[in-house]
Amino acid sequence: MATQRLGIVMNGVTGRMGMNQHLIRSIVAIRNQGGVMLTNGDRVMPDPVLIGRNAEKIEALAKAHGIARYGTNLDAALDNREDTVFFDAGTTQMRPTLLARALRAGKHVYCEKPIATNLAEAIEVCKLAQ
């Protein structure tokens, strides 16, 4: 029975939905419960890196929830090959560009909806994902 680390770049989680729903009620809760048990007895443990524009807010949020990794440099976070998932809870207007950057960096993406503000941007993101 091994523990498998799941590195997640979490962008924009200082906002209400990103912080409460996705970080605290999901990732932090899963970590506090010891990860997710798989059928083979292994566990998956989320290991988030919190990324945001405001260094003080992101540091305070990380420290309040026992998260060791945080910062403001999204490029550095996307460059880390050990973090395989990108989660975006930033503004919808920025989302297509951020998702495209993450996809080009080889990340799996998960984001709040909508993925774009118009159909053309949404289709471009989907094409990159394919």
Protein backbone atom coordinates (compact mmCIF):
# COMPACT_ATOMS: atom_id res chain seq x y z
CA MET A 1 0.00 0.00 0.00
CA ALA A 2 1.71 3.09 -1.30
CA THR A 3 0.82 6.74 -1.34
CA GLN A 4 0.81 8.33 -4.76
CA ARG A 5 1.42 12.07 -4.86
CA LEU A 6 -0.80 14.16 -7.13
CA GLY A 7 0.80 17.54 -7.80
CA ILE A 8 -1.79 20.22 -8.57
CA VAL A 9 -1.09 23.79 -9.62
CA MET A 10 -4.02 25.72 -8.13
CA ASN A 11 -4.34 29.17 -9.66
CA GLY A 12 -6.64 31.92 -8.40
CA VAL A 13 -7.83 30.25 -5.21
CA THR A 14 -8.00 33.43 -3.15
CA GLY A 15 -11.45 34.13 -4.59
CA ARG A 16 -14.60 32.88 -2.83
CA MET A 17 -15.33 29.79 -4.97
CA GLY A 18 -11.73 28.80 -5.53
CA MET A 19 -10.89 29.08 -1.84
CA ASN A 20 -14.03 27.69 -0.20
CA GLN A 21 -15.36 25.12 -2.63
CA HIS A 22 -12.25 23.88 -4.37
CA LEU A 23 -9.40 24.38 -1.94
CA ILE A 24 -10.87 24.11 1.57
CA ARG A 25 -13.88 21.82 1.01
CA SER A 26 -12.13 19.60 -1.53
CA ILE A 27 -8.33 19.48 -1.57
CA VAL A 28 -7.75 20.39 2.10
CA ALA A 29 -10.54 18.04 3.21
CA ILE A 30 -9.09 15.16 1.17
CA ARG A 31 -5.63 15.80 2.62
CA ASN A 32 -7.05 15.92 6.16
CA GLN A 33 -8.71 12.53 5.58
CA GLY A 34 -5.42 10.98 4.51
CA GLY A 35 -5.98 11.11 0.76
CA VAL A 36 -8.23 9.08 -1.51
CA MET A 37 -8.17 5.31 -1.08
CA LEU A 38 -7.90 3.33 -4.32
CA THR A 39 -9.31 -0.16 -4.78
CA ASN A 40 -5.82 -1.68 -4.63
CA GLY A 41 -5.22 -0.16 -1.19
CA ASP A 42 -2.97 2.64 -2.40
CA ARG A 43 -3.81 6.23 -1.58
CA VAL A 44 -3.67 9.36 -3.74
CA MET A 45 -2.58 12.42 -1.80
CA PRO A 46 -3.11 15.83 -3.40
CA ASP A 47 -0.04 18.07 -3.14
CA PRO A 48 -1.14 21.53 -4.22
CA VAL A 49 0.95 24.55 -5.04
CA LEU A 50 -1.14 27.70 -4.60
CA ILE A 51 -0.52 30.39 -7.19
CA GLY A 52 -1.95 33.89 -7.08
CA ARG A 53 -1.26 37.50 -7.96
CA ASN A 54 -1.16 38.78 -4.37
CA ALA A 55 1.83 37.28 -2.54
CA GLU A 56 0.56 38.16 0.93
CA LYS A 57 -2.91 36.68 0.38
CA ILE A 58 -1.61 33.48 -1.15
CA GLU A 59 0.96 33.01 1.63
CA ALA A 60 -1.65 33.57 4.35
CA LEU A 61 -4.04 31.12 2.70
CA ALA A 62 -1.36 28.47 2.33
CA LYS A 63 -0.19 28.81 5.92
CA ALA A 64 -3.75 28.76 7.28
CA HIS A 65 -4.30 25.36 5.66
CA GLY A 66 -0.90 23.71 6.08
CA ILE A 67 0.10 23.97 2.44
CA ALA A 68 3.85 24.27 2.03
CA ARG A 69 4.01 25.31 -1.61
CA TYR A 70 2.75 28.69 -2.81
CA GLY A 71 3.83 31.67 -4.86
CA THR A 72 3.09 34.15 -7.60
CA ASN A 73 5.12 32.66 -10.46
CA LEU A 74 2.72 30.71 -12.65
CA ASP A 75 5.38 29.99 -15.27
CA ALA A 76 7.62 28.29 -12.70
CA ALA A 77 4.69 26.25 -11.42
CA LEU A 78 3.75 25.15 -14.93
CA ASP A 79 7.37 24.21 -15.62
CA ASN A 80 7.40 21.71 -12.73
CA ARG A 81 6.91 18.30 -14.39
CA GLU A 82 5.99 16.71 -11.06
CA ASP A 83 2.80 18.78 -10.92
CA THR A 84 0.60 17.18 -13.56
CA VAL A 85 -2.74 18.94 -13.03
CA PHE A 86 -3.62 22.61 -13.49
CA PHE A 87 -6.69 23.97 -11.74
CA ASP A 88 -7.94 27.45 -12.56
CA ALA A 89 -10.34 29.48 -10.46
CA GLY A 90 -9.24 32.88 -11.75
CA THR A 91 -11.34 35.26 -13.79
CA THR A 92 -13.27 33.88 -16.74
CA GLN A 93 -11.73 36.49 -19.02
CA MET A 94 -8.23 35.14 -18.33
CA ARG A 95 -9.21 31.48 -18.38
CA PRO A 96 -8.73 30.59 -22.08
CA THR A 97 -5.19 31.98 -22.06
CA LEU A 98 -4.33 30.26 -18.78
CA LEU A 99 -5.78 26.92 -19.87
CA ALA A 100 -3.88 27.13 -23.15
CA ARG A 101 -0.63 27.81 -21.29
CA ALA A 102 -1.25 24.83 -19.01
CA LEU A 103 -2.13 22.52 -21.90
CA ARG A 104 0.98 23.58 -23.80
CA ALA A 105 2.98 22.79 -20.65
CA GLY A 106 1.57 19.24 -20.77
CA LYS A 107 -0.82 19.57 -17.83
CA HIS A 108 -4.21 18.00 -17.38
CA VAL A 109 -6.67 20.82 -16.72
CA TYR A 110 -9.63 21.26 -14.43
CA CYS A 111 -11.36 24.59 -14.13
CA GLU A 112 -14.41 26.39 -13.00
CA LYS A 113 -17.01 26.98 -15.66
CA PRO A 114 -17.23 28.55 -18.15
CA ILE A 115 -13.93 27.83 -19.88
CA ALA A 116 -14.23 30.97 -22.02
CA THR A 117 -16.39 34.01 -22.64
CA ASN A 118 -17.17 33.07 -26.23
CA LEU A 119 -17.49 29.99 -28.42
CA ALA A 120 -14.36 30.64 -30.51
CA GLU A 121 -12.11 30.75 -27.42
CA ALA A 122 -13.78 27.66 -25.97
CA ILE A 123 -13.24 25.72 -29.19
CA GLU A 124 -9.56 26.71 -29.28
CA VAL A 125 -9.04 25.45 -25.73
CA CYS A 126 -10.80 22.19 -26.61
CA LYS A 127 -8.64 21.73 -29.71
CA LEU A 128 -5.51 22.16 -27.62
CA ALA A 129 -6.80 19.61 -25.12
CA GLN A 130 -7.38 17.03 -27.85
